[in-house]
Amino acid sequence: MKKLFIIILVIFTASLVYAGNKAGEDSWVQPGDVATTDDLVHNGDCLFHGLIVSTDGTNSVTVDVYDSTTATGTKIIPSWVVTSAGNDRVQALSLWPPVRCFTGIYIDVTTAGTVEFVPYFKKR
């Protein structure tokens, strides 16, 4: 009887996980491509979970995130200034709950140096 209960529990749990995933869609948050300049991260409806920014160790970076396909429209967060120091070059921004973007995610970066960033989002 105990084995039967465990089997039923495993099947029920697996069905819940599968039911949450529509055909052809990834149910997990996924990273976007590593970018070094302003970037249209995703075009269309999605959930923005955050991003990781790596500076050059000397110059700070100002990051603006828009619910848009360009650097205009609705800002998702206030301008985020990522400070830079030789030993502290990477910072992360995590949003919970995630922010729904209806149009897309566009990330605008401004710096006198170099920058790399990876956005995290979930397609809807």
PDB file of N, CA and C in Angstrom:
ATOM      1  N   MET A   1       0.817  -1.197   0.000  1.00  0.00           N
ATOM      2  CA  MET A   1       0.000   0.000   0.000  1.00  0.00           C
ATOM      3  C   MET A   1       0.865   1.268   0.000  1.00  0.00           C
ATOM      4  N   LYS A   2       1.943   1.232   0.785  1.00  0.00           N
ATOM      5  CA  LYS A   2       2.831   2.382   0.856  1.00  0.00           C
ATOM      6  C   LYS A   2       3.483   2.650  -0.500  1.00  0.00           C
ATOM      7  N   LYS A   3       3.888   1.589  -1.211  1.00  0.00           N
ATOM      8  CA  LYS A   3       4.493   1.737  -2.541  1.00  0.00           C
ATOM      9  C   LYS A   3       3.493   2.332  -3.517  1.00  0.00           C
ATOM     10  N   LEU A   4       2.246   1.884  -3.448  1.00  0.00           N
ATOM     11  CA  LEU A   4       1.210   2.410  -4.338  1.00  0.00           C
ATOM     12  C   LEU A   4       1.001   3.896  -4.091  1.00  0.00           C
ATOM     13  N   PHE A   5       0.989   4.326  -2.834  1.00  0.00           N
ATOM     14  CA  PHE A   5       0.836   5.735  -2.503  1.00  0.00           C
ATOM     15  C   PHE A   5       1.993   6.564  -3.073  1.00  0.00           C
ATOM     16  N   ILE A   6       3.202   6.066  -2.937  1.00  0.00           N
ATOM     17  CA  ILE A   6       4.375   6.781  -3.446  1.00  0.00           C
ATOM     18  C   ILE A   6       4.310   6.882  -4.971  1.00  0.00           C
ATOM     19  N   ILE A   7       3.912   5.808  -5.642  1.00  0.00           N
ATOM     20  CA  ILE A   7       3.798   5.824  -7.107  1.00  0.00           C
ATOM     21  C   ILE A   7       2.752   6.853  -7.545  1.00  0.00           C
ATOM     22  N   ILE A   8       1.618   6.873  -6.871  1.00  0.00           N
ATOM     23  CA  ILE A   8       0.559   7.836  -7.212  1.00  0.00           C
ATOM     24  C   ILE A   8       1.041   9.262  -6.965  1.00  0.00           C
ATOM     25  N   LEU A   9       1.755   9.477  -5.872  1.00  0.00           N
ATOM     26  CA  LEU A   9       2.278  10.811  -5.566  1.00  0.00           C
ATOM     27  C   LEU A   9       3.272  11.276  -6.630  1.00  0.00           C
ATOM     28  N   VAL A  10       4.153  10.389  -7.066  1.00  0.00           N
ATOM     29  CA  VAL A  10       5.132  10.736  -8.101  1.00  0.00           C
ATOM     30  C   VAL A  10       4.427  11.064  -9.411  1.00  0.00           C
ATOM     31  N   ILE A  11       3.447  10.264  -9.795  1.00  0.00           N
ATOM     32  CA  ILE A  11       2.710  10.519 -11.041  1.00  0.00           C
ATOM     33  C   ILE A  11       1.952  11.838 -10.956  1.00  0.00           C
ATOM     34  N   PHE A  12       1.303  12.105  -9.821  1.00  0.00           N
ATOM     35  CA  PHE A  12       0.566  13.354  -9.651  1.00  0.00           C
ATOM     36  C   PHE A  12       1.501  14.558  -9.739  1.00  0.00           C
ATOM     37  N   THR A  13       2.647  14.491  -9.071  1.00  0.00           N
ATOM     38  CA  THR A  13       3.624  15.583  -9.102  1.00  0.00           C
ATOM     39  C   THR A  13       4.138  15.813 -10.517  1.00  0.00           C
ATOM     40  N   ALA A  14       4.456  14.739 -11.222  1.00  0.00           N
ATOM     41  CA  ALA A  14       4.939  14.859 -12.597  1.00  0.00           C
ATOM     42  C   ALA A  14       3.870  15.478 -13.489  1.00  0.00           C
ATOM     43  N   SER A  15       2.609  15.134 -13.277  1.00  0.00           N
ATOM     44  CA  SER A  15       1.543  15.702 -14.113  1.00  0.00           C
ATOM     45  C   SER A  15       1.388  17.194 -13.860  1.00  0.00           C
ATOM     46  N   LEU A  16       1.580  17.642 -12.611  1.00  0.00           N
ATOM     47  CA  LEU A  16       1.512  19.074 -12.323  1.00  0.00           C
ATOM     48  C   LEU A  16       2.636  19.825 -13.022  1.00  0.00           C
ATOM     49  N   VAL A  17       3.837  19.282 -13.000  1.00  0.00           N
ATOM     50  CA  VAL A  17       4.971  19.913 -13.668  1.00  0.00           C
ATOM     51  C   VAL A  17       4.723  19.977 -15.166  1.00  0.00           C
ATOM     52  N   TYR A  18       4.241  18.890 -15.750  1.00  0.00           N
ATOM     53  CA  TYR A  18       3.990  18.851 -17.192  1.00  0.00           C
ATOM     54  C   TYR A  18       2.854  19.789 -17.579  1.00  0.00           C
ATOM     55  N   ALA A  19       1.804  19.866 -16.757  1.00  0.00           N
ATOM     56  CA  ALA A  19       0.643  20.708 -17.087  1.00  0.00           C
ATOM     57  C   ALA A  19       1.013  22.178 -17.143  1.00  0.00           C
ATOM     58  N   GLY A  20       2.023  22.593 -16.399  1.00  0.00           N
ATOM     59  CA  GLY A  20       2.434  23.993 -16.390  1.00  0.00           C
ATOM     60  C   GLY A  20       3.248  24.379 -17.601  1.00  0.00           C
ATOM     61  N   ASN A  21       3.589  23.421 -18.435  1.00  0.00           N
ATOM     62  CA  ASN A  21       4.436  23.689 -19.591  1.00  0.00           C
ATOM     63  C   ASN A  21       3.630  23.497 -20.870  1.00  0.00           C
ATOM     64  N   LYS A  22       3.302  24.594 -21.558  1.00  0.00           N
ATOM     65  CA  LYS A  22       2.581  24.504 -22.820  1.00  0.00           C
ATOM     66  C   LYS A  22       3.505  23.925 -23.877  1.00  0.00           C
ATOM     67  N   ALA A  23       2.935  23.285 -24.856  1.00  0.00           N
ATOM     68  CA  ALA A  23       3.731  22.645 -25.905  1.00  0.00           C
ATOM     69  C   ALA A  23       4.653  23.659 -26.568  1.00  0.00           C
ATOM     70  N   GLY A  24       5.926  23.317 -26.648  1.00  0.00           N
ATOM     71  CA  GLY A  24       6.892  24.180 -27.326  1.00  0.00           C
ATOM     72  C   GLY A  24       7.417  25.328 -26.493  1.00  0.00           C
ATOM     73  N   GLU A  25       6.996  25.436 -25.235  1.00  0.00           N
ATOM     74  CA  GLU A  25       7.468  26.532 -24.385  1.00  0.00           C
ATOM     75  C   GLU A  25       8.373  26.014 -23.287  1.00  0.00           C
ATOM     76  N   ASP A  26       9.363  26.781 -22.959  1.00  0.00           N
ATOM     77  CA  ASP A  26      10.227  26.457 -21.840  1.00  0.00           C
ATOM     78  C   ASP A  26       9.580  27.021 -20.584  1.00  0.00           C
ATOM     79  N   SER A  27       9.444  26.200 -19.553  1.00  0.00           N
ATOM     80  CA  SER A  27       8.776  26.672 -18.342  1.00  0.00           C
ATOM     81  C   SER A  27       9.747  27.321 -17.365  1.00  0.00           C
ATOM     82  N   TRP A  28      11.016  27.369 -17.702  1.00  0.00           N
ATOM     83  CA  TRP A  28      12.025  27.910 -16.813  1.00  0.00           C
ATOM     84  C   TRP A  28      12.449  29.313 -17.239  1.00  0.00           C
ATOM     85  N   VAL A  29      12.958  30.059 -16.270  1.00  0.00           N
ATOM     86  CA  VAL A  29      13.560  31.349 -16.580  1.00  0.00           C
ATOM     87  C   VAL A  29      14.822  31.060 -17.377  1.00  0.00           C
ATOM     88  N   GLN A  30      15.040  31.821 -18.420  1.00  0.00           N
ATOM     89  CA  GLN A  30      16.203  31.563 -19.258  1.00  0.00           C
ATOM     90  C   GLN A  30      17.061  32.806 -19.378  1.00  0.00           C
ATOM     91  N   PRO A  31      18.363  32.596 -19.508  1.00  0.00           N
ATOM     92  CA  PRO A  31      19.232  33.754 -19.716  1.00  0.00           C
ATOM     93  C   PRO A  31      19.183  34.194 -21.164  1.00  0.00           C
ATOM     94  N   GLY A  32      19.284  35.485 -21.382  1.00  0.00           N
ATOM     95  CA  GLY A  32      19.446  35.994 -22.736  1.00  0.00           C
ATOM     96  C   GLY A  32      20.912  35.867 -23.124  1.00  0.00           C
ATOM     97  N   ASP A  33      21.240  36.320 -24.303  1.00  0.00           N
ATOM     98  CA  ASP A  33      22.629  36.291 -24.750  1.00  0.00           C
ATOM     99  C   ASP A  33      23.447  37.320 -23.979  1.00  0.00           C
ATOM    100  N   VAL A  34      24.728  37.058 -23.841  1.00  0.00           N
ATOM    101  CA  VAL A  34      25.631  38.038 -23.244  1.00  0.00           C
ATOM    102  C   VAL A  34      25.725  39.213 -24.216  1.00  0.00           C
ATOM    103  N   ALA A  35      25.475  40.417 -23.713  1.00  0.00           N
ATOM    104  CA  ALA A  35      25.496  41.608 -24.565  1.00  0.00           C
ATOM    105  C   ALA A  35      26.531  42.598 -24.038  1.00  0.00           C
ATOM    106  N   THR A  36      27.039  43.418 -24.944  1.00  0.00           N
ATOM    107  CA  THR A  36      28.032  44.434 -24.567  1.00  0.00           C
ATOM    108  C   THR A  36      27.572  45.844 -24.923  1.00  0.00           C
ATOM    109  N   THR A  37      26.447  45.966 -25.606  1.00  0.00           N
ATOM    110  CA  THR A  37      25.879  47.270 -25.967  1.00  0.00           C
ATOM    111  C   THR A  37      24.373  47.202 -25.772  1.00  0.00           C
ATOM    112  N   ASP A  38      23.697  48.330 -25.993  1.00  0.00           N
ATOM    113  CA  ASP A  38      22.240  48.358 -25.904  1.00  0.00           C
ATOM    114  C   ASP A  38      21.670  47.165 -26.667  1.00  0.00           C
ATOM    115  N   ASP A  39      20.597  46.563 -26.120  1.00  0.00           N
ATOM    116  CA  ASP A  39      20.138  45.314 -26.708  1.00  0.00           C
ATOM    117  C   ASP A  39      18.634  45.129 -26.551  1.00  0.00           C
ATOM    118  N   LEU A  40      17.993  44.689 -27.641  1.00  0.00           N
ATOM    119  CA  LEU A  40      16.625  44.207 -27.575  1.00  0.00           C
ATOM    120  C   LEU A  40      16.720  42.758 -27.118  1.00  0.00           C
ATOM    121  N   VAL A  41      16.419  42.525 -25.863  1.00  0.00           N
ATOM    122  CA  VAL A  41      16.585  41.207 -25.252  1.00  0.00           C
ATOM    123  C   VAL A  41      15.514  40.245 -25.725  1.00  0.00           C
ATOM    124  N   HIS A  42      14.270  40.718 -25.743  1.00  0.00           N
ATOM    125  CA  HIS A  42      13.151  39.866 -26.161  1.00  0.00           C
ATOM    126  C   HIS A  42      12.079  40.742 -26.782  1.00  0.00           C
ATOM    127  N   ASN A  43      11.489  40.263 -27.846  1.00  0.00           N
ATOM    128  CA  ASN A  43      10.406  40.963 -28.524  1.00  0.00           C
ATOM    129  C   ASN A  43       9.118  40.211 -28.240  1.00  0.00           C
ATOM    130  N   GLY A  44       8.238  40.802 -27.445  1.00  0.00           N
ATOM    131  CA  GLY A  44       6.964  40.167 -27.132  1.00  0.00           C
ATOM    132  C   GLY A  44       6.739  40.033 -25.635  1.00  0.00           C
ATOM    133  N   ASP A  45       5.621  39.423 -25.308  1.00  0.00           N
ATOM    134  CA  ASP A  45       5.170  39.253 -23.931  1.00  0.00           C
ATOM    135  C   ASP A  45       6.132  38.351 -23.155  1.00  0.00           C
ATOM    136  N   CYS A  46       6.541  38.790 -21.954  1.00  0.00           N
ATOM    137  CA  CYS A  46       7.474  38.003 -21.150  1.00  0.00           C
ATOM    138  C   CYS A  46       7.487  38.513 -19.711  1.00  0.00           C
ATOM    139  N   LEU A  47       8.180  37.789 -18.861  1.00  0.00           N
ATOM    140  CA  LEU A  47       8.399  38.195 -17.480  1.00  0.00           C
ATOM    141  C   LEU A  47       9.880  38.483 -17.293  1.00  0.00           C
ATOM    142  N   PHE A  48      10.190  39.696 -16.835  1.00  0.00           N
ATOM    143  CA  PHE A  48      11.575  40.097 -16.608  1.00  0.00           C
ATOM    144  C   PHE A  48      11.943  39.774 -15.170  1.00  0.00           C
ATOM    145  N   HIS A  49      12.979  38.938 -14.992  1.00  0.00           N
ATOM    146  CA  HIS A  49      13.401  38.499 -13.660  1.00  0.00           C
ATOM    147  C   HIS A  49      14.624  39.240 -13.146  1.00  0.00           C
ATOM    148  N   GLY A  50      15.416  39.835 -14.043  1.00  0.00           N
ATOM    149  CA  GLY A  50      16.590  40.567 -13.586  1.00  0.00           C
ATOM    150  C   GLY A  50      17.749  40.447 -14.549  1.00  0.00           C
ATOM    151  N   LEU A  51      18.929  40.889 -14.096  1.00  0.00           N
ATOM    152  CA  LEU A  51      20.110  40.799 -14.939  1.00  0.00           C
ATOM    153  C   LEU A  51      21.377  40.844 -14.104  1.00  0.00           C
ATOM    154  N   ILE A  52      22.449  40.383 -14.711  1.00  0.00           N
ATOM    155  CA  ILE A  52      23.780  40.427 -14.123  1.00  0.00           C
ATOM    156  C   ILE A  52      24.615  41.354 -14.991  1.00  0.00           C
ATOM    157  N   VAL A  53      25.331  42.290 -14.355  1.00  0.00           N
ATOM    158  CA  VAL A  53      26.150  43.265 -15.077  1.00  0.00           C
ATOM    159  C   VAL A  53      27.599  43.131 -14.617  1.00  0.00           C
ATOM    160  N   SER A  54      28.495  43.079 -15.581  1.00  0.00           N
ATOM    161  CA  SER A  54      29.933  43.016 -15.300  1.00  0.00           C
ATOM    162  C   SER A  54      30.586  44.260 -15.904  1.00  0.00           C
ATOM    163  N   THR A  55      31.227  45.051 -15.055  1.00  0.00           N
ATOM    164  CA  THR A  55      31.883  46.284 -15.516  1.00  0.00           C
ATOM    165  C   THR A  55      33.349  46.012 -15.852  1.00  0.00           C
ATOM    166  N   ASP A  56      34.051  47.038 -16.300  1.00  0.00           N
ATOM    167  CA  ASP A  56      35.469  46.885 -16.637  1.00  0.00           C
ATOM    168  C   ASP A  56      36.380  47.071 -15.423  1.00  0.00           C
ATOM    169  N   GLY A  57      35.800  47.309 -14.258  1.00  0.00           N
ATOM    170  CA  GLY A  57      36.597  47.481 -13.050  1.00  0.00           C
ATOM    171  C   GLY A  57      37.004  48.917 -12.780  1.00  0.00           C
ATOM    172  N   THR A  58      36.714  49.821 -13.712  1.00  0.00           N
ATOM    173  CA  THR A  58      37.091  51.226 -13.560  1.00  0.00           C
ATOM    174  C   THR A  58      35.893  52.154 -13.683  1.00  0.00           C
ATOM    175  N   ASN A  59      35.063  51.939 -14.711  1.00  0.00           N
ATOM    176  CA  ASN A  59      33.957  52.842 -15.028  1.00  0.00           C
ATOM    177  C   ASN A  59      32.619  52.273 -14.557  1.00  0.00           C
ATOM    178  N   SER A  60      31.794  53.145 -13.964  1.00  0.00           N
ATOM    179  CA  SER A  60      30.450  52.720 -13.583  1.00  0.00           C
ATOM    180  C   SER A  60      29.571  52.620 -14.830  1.00  0.00           C
ATOM    181  N   VAL A  61      28.440  51.949 -14.691  1.00  0.00           N
ATOM    182  CA  VAL A  61      27.513  51.720 -15.801  1.00  0.00           C
ATOM    183  C   VAL A  61      26.114  52.121 -15.351  1.00  0.00           C
ATOM    184  N   THR A  62      25.411  52.885 -16.185  1.00  0.00           N
ATOM    185  CA  THR A  62      24.015  53.202 -15.927  1.00  0.00           C
ATOM    186  C   THR A  62      23.163  52.297 -16.805  1.00  0.00           C
ATOM    187  N   VAL A  63      22.225  51.588 -16.167  1.00  0.00           N
ATOM    188  CA  VAL A  63      21.378  50.628 -16.871  1.00  0.00           C
ATOM    189  C   VAL A  63      19.930  51.093 -16.798  1.00  0.00           C
ATOM    190  N   ASP A  64      19.280  51.156 -17.956  1.00  0.00           N
ATOM    191  CA  ASP A  64      17.852  51.441 -18.041  1.00  0.00           C
ATOM    192  C   ASP A  64      17.182  50.265 -18.744  1.00  0.00           C
ATOM    193  N   VAL A  65      16.084  49.780 -18.159  1.00  0.00           N
ATOM    194  CA  VAL A  65      15.360  48.646 -18.721  1.00  0.00           C
ATOM    195  C   VAL A  65      13.958  49.118 -19.089  1.00  0.00           C
ATOM    196  N   TYR A  66      13.558  48.840 -20.334  1.00  0.00           N
ATOM    197  CA  TYR A  66      12.272  49.315 -20.851  1.00  0.00           C
ATOM    198  C   TYR A  66      11.375  48.152 -21.266  1.00  0.00           C
ATOM    199  N   ASP A  67      10.074  48.337 -21.068  1.00  0.00           N
ATOM    200  CA  ASP A  67       9.065  47.456 -21.663  1.00  0.00           C
ATOM    201  C   ASP A  67       8.805  48.021 -23.051  1.00  0.00           C
ATOM    202  N   SER A  68       9.689  47.672 -23.987  1.00  0.00           N
ATOM    203  CA  SER A  68       9.670  48.278 -25.312  1.00  0.00           C
ATOM    204  C   SER A  68      10.616  47.510 -26.228  1.00  0.00           C
ATOM    205  N   THR A  69      10.629  47.881 -27.492  1.00  0.00           N
ATOM    206  CA  THR A  69      11.604  47.329 -28.438  1.00  0.00           C
ATOM    207  C   THR A  69      12.702  48.345 -28.734  1.00  0.00           C
ATOM    208  N   THR A  70      12.619  49.520 -28.088  1.00  0.00           N
ATOM    209  CA  THR A  70      13.634  50.569 -28.228  1.00  0.00           C
ATOM    210  C   THR A  70      13.864  51.204 -26.859  1.00  0.00           C
ATOM    211  N   ALA A  71      14.773  52.144 -26.796  1.00  0.00           N
ATOM    212  CA  ALA A  71      15.075  52.828 -25.531  1.00  0.00           C
ATOM    213  C   ALA A  71      14.078  53.942 -25.241  1.00  0.00           C
ATOM    214  N   THR A  72      12.806  53.647 -25.436  1.00  0.00           N
ATOM    215  CA  THR A  72      11.729  54.576 -25.109  1.00  0.00           C
ATOM    216  C   THR A  72      10.599  53.763 -24.503  1.00  0.00           C
ATOM    217  N   GLY A  73       9.631  54.449 -23.968  1.00  0.00           N
ATOM    218  CA  GLY A  73       8.474  53.733 -23.430  1.00  0.00           C
ATOM    219  C   GLY A  73       8.538  53.623 -21.921  1.00  0.00           C
ATOM    220  N   THR A  74       7.935  52.583 -21.402  1.00  0.00           N
ATOM    221  CA  THR A  74       7.810  52.391 -19.968  1.00  0.00           C
ATOM    222  C   THR A  74       9.085  51.795 -19.375  1.00  0.00           C
ATOM    223  N   LYS A  75       9.660  52.503 -18.396  1.00  0.00           N
ATOM    224  CA  LYS A  75      10.828  51.970 -17.692  1.00  0.00           C
ATOM    225  C   LYS A  75      10.360  50.919 -16.694  1.00  0.00           C
ATOM    226  N   ILE A  76      11.063  49.807 -16.669  1.00  0.00           N
ATOM    227  CA  ILE A  76      10.728  48.720 -15.747  1.00  0.00           C
ATOM    228  C   ILE A  76      11.259  49.028 -14.346  1.00  0.00           C
ATOM    229  N   ILE A  77      12.454  49.594 -14.281  1.00  0.00           N
ATOM    230  CA  ILE A  77      13.076  49.964 -13.015  1.00  0.00           C
ATOM    231  C   ILE A  77      13.629  51.381 -13.165  1.00  0.00           C
ATOM    232  N   PRO A  78      13.857  52.076 -12.064  1.00  0.00           N
ATOM    233  CA  PRO A  78      14.551  53.365 -12.180  1.00  0.00           C
ATOM    234  C   PRO A  78      15.961  53.126 -12.709  1.00  0.00           C
ATOM    235  N   SER A  79      16.596  54.156 -13.215  1.00  0.00           N
ATOM    236  CA  SER A  79      17.972  53.998 -13.697  1.00  0.00           C
ATOM    237  C   SER A  79      18.816  53.377 -12.597  1.00  0.00           C
ATOM    238  N   TRP A  80      19.539  52.331 -12.953  1.00  0.00           N
ATOM    239  CA  TRP A  80      20.370  51.595 -11.996  1.00  0.00           C
ATOM    240  C   TRP A  80      21.832  51.894 -12.302  1.00  0.00           C
ATOM    241  N   VAL A  81      22.539  52.480 -11.346  1.00  0.00           N
ATOM    242  CA  VAL A  81      23.955  52.775 -11.531  1.00  0.00           C
ATOM    243  C   VAL A  81      24.757  51.648 -10.892  1.00  0.00           C
ATOM    244  N   VAL A  82      25.480  50.921 -11.733  1.00  0.00           N
ATOM    245  CA  VAL A  82      26.320  49.821 -11.277  1.00  0.00           C
ATOM    246  C   VAL A  82      27.712  50.396 -11.058  1.00  0.00           C
ATOM    247  N   THR A  83      28.112  50.501  -9.799  1.00  0.00           N
ATOM    248  CA  THR A  83      29.427  51.049  -9.491  1.00  0.00           C
ATOM    249  C   THR A  83      30.499  50.017  -9.809  1.00  0.00           C
ATOM    250  N   SER A  84      31.716  50.496  -9.942  1.00  0.00           N
ATOM    251  CA  SER A  84      32.792  49.611 -10.368  1.00  0.00           C
ATOM    252  C   SER A  84      34.015  49.807  -9.495  1.00  0.00           C
ATOM    253  N   ALA A  85      34.605  48.718  -9.122  1.00  0.00           N
ATOM    254  CA  ALA A  85      35.877  48.730  -8.407  1.00  0.00           C
ATOM    255  C   ALA A  85      36.662  47.522  -8.893  1.00  0.00           C
ATOM    256  N   GLY A  86      37.960  47.586  -8.805  1.00  0.00           N
ATOM    257  CA  GLY A  86      38.801  46.522  -9.326  1.00  0.00           C
ATOM    258  C   GLY A  86      38.447  45.144  -8.795  1.00  0.00           C
ATOM    259  N   ASN A  87      38.013  45.061  -7.533  1.00  0.00           N
ATOM    260  CA  ASN A  87      37.700  43.767  -6.953  1.00  0.00           C
ATOM    261  C   ASN A  87      36.202  43.490  -6.871  1.00  0.00           C
ATOM    262  N   ASP A  88      35.372  44.411  -7.322  1.00  0.00           N
ATOM    263  CA  ASP A  88      33.911  44.243  -7.267  1.00  0.00           C
ATOM    264  C   ASP A  88      33.322  44.688  -8.591  1.00  0.00           C
ATOM    265  N   ARG A  89      33.474  43.846  -9.612  1.00  0.00           N
ATOM    266  CA  ARG A  89      33.077  44.235 -10.964  1.00  0.00           C
ATOM    267  C   ARG A  89      31.718  43.690 -11.392  1.00  0.00           C
ATOM    268  N   VAL A  90      31.138  42.765 -10.636  1.00  0.00           N
ATOM    269  CA  VAL A  90      29.892  42.120 -11.055  1.00  0.00           C
ATOM    270  C   VAL A  90      28.807  42.400 -10.027  1.00  0.00           C
ATOM    271  N   GLN A  91      27.636  42.841 -10.521  1.00  0.00           N
ATOM    272  CA  GLN A  91      26.479  43.053  -9.650  1.00  0.00           C
ATOM    273  C   GLN A  91      25.257  42.439 -10.304  1.00  0.00           C
ATOM    274  N   ALA A  92      24.319  42.022  -9.476  1.00  0.00           N
ATOM    275  CA  ALA A  92      23.099  41.387  -9.983  1.00  0.00           C
ATOM    276  C   ALA A  92      21.872  42.132  -9.477  1.00  0.00           C
ATOM    277  N   LEU A  93      20.844  42.123 -10.295  1.00  0.00           N
ATOM    278  CA  LEU A  93      19.543  42.680  -9.937  1.00  0.00           C
ATOM    279  C   LEU A  93      18.532  41.560 -10.108  1.00  0.00           C
ATOM    280  N   SER A  94      17.841  41.229  -9.040  1.00  0.00           N
ATOM    281  CA  SER A  94      16.851  40.155  -9.089  1.00  0.00           C
ATOM    282  C   SER A  94      15.499  40.727  -8.675  1.00  0.00           C
ATOM    283  N   LEU A  95      14.485  40.486  -9.480  1.00  0.00           N
ATOM    284  CA  LEU A  95      13.148  41.014  -9.202  1.00  0.00           C
ATOM    285  C   LEU A  95      12.204  39.877  -8.831  1.00  0.00           C
ATOM    286  N   TRP A  96      11.614  39.987  -7.661  1.00  0.00           N
ATOM    287  CA  TRP A  96      10.585  39.035  -7.282  1.00  0.00           C
ATOM    288  C   TRP A  96       9.459  39.777  -6.602  1.00  0.00           C
ATOM    289  N   PRO A  97       8.272  39.735  -7.095  1.00  0.00           N
ATOM    290  CA  PRO A  97       7.895  38.966  -8.282  1.00  0.00           C
ATOM    291  C   PRO A  97       8.470  39.614  -9.542  1.00  0.00           C
ATOM    292  N   PRO A  98       8.567  38.824 -10.601  1.00  0.00           N
ATOM    293  CA  PRO A  98       9.083  39.380 -11.858  1.00  0.00           C
ATOM    294  C   PRO A  98       8.119  40.419 -12.418  1.00  0.00           C
ATOM    295  N   VAL A  99       8.639  41.256 -13.298  1.00  0.00           N
ATOM    296  CA  VAL A  99       7.818  42.305 -13.911  1.00  0.00           C
ATOM    297  C   VAL A  99       7.366  41.836 -15.289  1.00  0.00           C
ATOM    298  N   ARG A 100       6.077  41.935 -15.544  1.00  0.00           N
ATOM    299  CA  ARG A 100       5.555  41.544 -16.850  1.00  0.00           C
ATOM    300  C   ARG A 100       5.813  42.645 -17.869  1.00  0.00           C
ATOM    301  N   CYS A 101       6.381  42.256 -18.988  1.00  0.00           N
ATOM    302  CA  CYS A 101       6.628  43.172 -20.097  1.00  0.00           C
ATOM    303  C   CYS A 101       5.744  42.740 -21.257  1.00  0.00           C
ATOM    304  N   PHE A 102       4.875  43.611 -21.709  1.00  0.00           N
ATOM    305  CA  PHE A 102       3.928  43.256 -22.762  1.00  0.00           C
ATOM    306  C   PHE A 102       4.530  43.410 -24.155  1.00  0.00           C
ATOM    307  N   THR A 103       5.414  44.398 -24.321  1.00  0.00           N
ATOM    308  CA  THR A 103       5.980  44.690 -25.643  1.00  0.00           C
ATOM    309  C   THR A 103       7.296  43.969 -25.873  1.00  0.00           C
ATOM    310  N   GLY A 104       8.133  43.916 -24.856  1.00  0.00           N
ATOM    311  CA  GLY A 104       9.442  43.294 -24.966  1.00  0.00           C
ATOM    312  C   GLY A 104      10.354  43.836 -23.881  1.00  0.00           C
ATOM    313  N   ILE A 105      11.614  43.455 -23.948  1.00  0.00           N
ATOM    314  CA  ILE A 105      12.603  43.968 -23.004  1.00  0.00           C
ATOM    315  C   ILE A 105      13.737  44.595 -23.799  1.00  0.00           C
ATOM    316  N   TYR A 106      13.962  45.875 -23.551  1.00  0.00           N
ATOM    317  CA  TYR A 106      15.085  46.576 -24.170  1.00  0.00           C
ATOM    318  C   TYR A 106      15.967  47.105 -23.050  1.00  0.00           C
ATOM    319  N   ILE A 107      17.260  46.809 -23.122  1.00  0.00           N
ATOM    320  CA  ILE A 107      18.197  47.266 -22.101  1.00  0.00           C
ATOM    321  C   ILE A 107      19.165  48.267 -22.718  1.00  0.00           C
ATOM    322  N   ASP A 108      19.217  49.447 -22.091  1.00  0.00           N
ATOM    323  CA  ASP A 108      20.081  50.541 -22.539  1.00  0.00           C
ATOM    324  C   ASP A 108      21.193  50.712 -21.497  1.00  0.00           C
ATOM    325  N   VAL A 109      22.457  50.605 -21.941  1.00  0.00           N
ATOM    326  CA  VAL A 109      23.596  50.769 -21.031  1.00  0.00           C
ATOM    327  C   VAL A 109      24.415  51.987 -21.446  1.00  0.00           C
ATOM    328  N   THR A 110      24.873  52.740 -20.451  1.00  0.00           N
ATOM    329  CA  THR A 110      25.703  53.910 -20.708  1.00  0.00           C
ATOM    330  C   THR A 110      26.938  53.820 -19.823  1.00  0.00           C
ATOM    331  N   THR A 111      28.114  53.870 -20.450  1.00  0.00           N
ATOM    332  CA  THR A 111      29.374  53.820 -19.707  1.00  0.00           C
ATOM    333  C   THR A 111      30.494  54.400 -20.558  1.00  0.00           C
ATOM    334  N   ALA A 112      31.533  54.871 -19.903  1.00  0.00           N
ATOM    335  CA  ALA A 112      32.719  55.354 -20.612  1.00  0.00           C
ATOM    336  C   ALA A 112      33.666  54.192 -20.898  1.00  0.00           C
ATOM    337  N   GLY A 113      33.416  53.048 -20.283  1.00  0.00           N
ATOM    338  CA  GLY A 113      34.281  51.882 -20.457  1.00  0.00           C
ATOM    339  C   GLY A 113      33.556  50.764 -21.187  1.00  0.00           C
ATOM    340  N   THR A 114      33.841  49.539 -20.768  1.00  0.00           N
ATOM    341  CA  THR A 114      33.199  48.379 -21.379  1.00  0.00           C
ATOM    342  C   THR A 114      32.291  47.706 -20.358  1.00  0.00           C
ATOM    343  N   VAL A 115      31.320  46.974 -20.872  1.00  0.00           N
ATOM    344  CA  VAL A 115      30.337  46.312 -20.020  1.00  0.00           C
ATOM    345  C   VAL A 115      29.883  45.021 -20.685  1.00  0.00           C
ATOM    346  N   GLU A 116      29.520  44.058 -19.874  1.00  0.00           N
ATOM    347  CA  GLU A 116      28.834  42.855 -20.335  1.00  0.00           C
ATOM    348  C   GLU A 116      27.647  42.649 -19.410  1.00  0.00           C
ATOM    349  N   PHE A 117      26.524  42.189 -19.982  1.00  0.00           N
ATOM    350  CA  PHE A 117      25.378  41.901 -19.133  1.00  0.00           C
ATOM    351  C   PHE A 117      24.592  40.721 -19.691  1.00  0.00           C
ATOM    352  N   VAL A 118      23.926  40.034 -18.762  1.00  0.00           N
ATOM    353  CA  VAL A 118      23.079  38.894 -19.116  1.00  0.00           C
ATOM    354  C   VAL A 118      21.717  39.115 -18.471  1.00  0.00           C
ATOM    355  N   PRO A 119      20.665  39.269 -19.280  1.00  0.00           N
ATOM    356  CA  PRO A 119      19.314  39.416 -18.732  1.00  0.00           C
ATOM    357  C   PRO A 119      18.682  38.043 -18.493  1.00  0.00           C
ATOM    358  N   TYR A 120      17.751  37.975 -17.560  1.00  0.00           N
ATOM    359  CA  TYR A 120      17.008  36.748 -17.295  1.00  0.00           C
ATOM    360  C   TYR A 120      15.519  37.043 -17.425  1.00  0.00           C
ATOM    361  N   PHE A 121      14.831  36.198 -18.188  1.00  0.00           N
ATOM    362  CA  PHE A 121      13.407  36.411 -18.441  1.00  0.00           C
ATOM    363  C   PHE A 121      12.736  35.091 -18.747  1.00  0.00           C
ATOM    364  N   LYS A 122      11.414  35.128 -18.784  1.00  0.00           N
ATOM    365  CA  LYS A 122      10.617  33.954 -19.147  1.00  0.00           C
ATOM    366  C   LYS A 122       9.622  34.376 -20.209  1.00  0.00           C
ATOM    367  N   LYS A 123       9.630  33.656 -21.329  1.00  0.00           N
ATOM    368  CA  LYS A 123       8.671  33.944 -22.406  1.00  0.00           C
ATOM    369  C   LYS A 123       7.268  33.608 -21.926  1.00  0.00           C
ATOM    370  N   ARG A 124       6.294  34.359 -22.454  1.00  0.00           N
ATOM    371  CA  ARG A 124       4.887  34.068 -22.118  1.00  0.00           C
ATOM    372  C   ARG A 124       4.158  33.678 -23.379  1.00  0.00           C
TER     373      ARG A 124
END
